[in-house]
Amino acid sequence: MEDDPHSDEEILEILKLKKVAVVGMSKNPDKAAHFVPKYLHENGYEIIPVNPNASEILHKQCYDEITDVPDQVDIVDVFRPSEQVLPIIEKAIKKNPKVIWLQEGIHNPEAEKLARDVGIDVVFNRCMLAEHSRLTK
């Protein structure tokens, strides 16, 4: 898998955005899709869980789909397999976030191009926790 081309300076700018919808957030504390957003929440981010199999995660209301989130979000952070990303990004575009962040191991060039074509920045194959920890501690 290719590397995401963002510089550390660009990632730091993205990390200043604080309202994050987490698609595929997990109730299981052993999964990255749980402990990464929990870490972000503990470090000043507003987390909005998106998971059709839960009503609440981390004491926050959970939404079935990104399009169900009533508020504007800065970042849509995706914890789903690469092959499931296209419909998620198609829906995320409707929310017009500044950034779509595909977690470590996730990359879908076709879906990423759709977002970039409408002016949404896309980070892929990077972990928000790892980048935040590496660049802000």
Foldseek 3Di string as FASTA:
>chain_A
DDAWPDDLVRLVVLLVFAEEEEEPQDQDCVDCSDVLVVVSVVVRHHYAYAPLVDQDHPNHGYHPAPLPPPDQGQEYEYDDAQVPCQVNLVSVVVSVHQEYEYEANHDHPVSCVVCVVVNHHYHHNHRNSVSCVVNPD
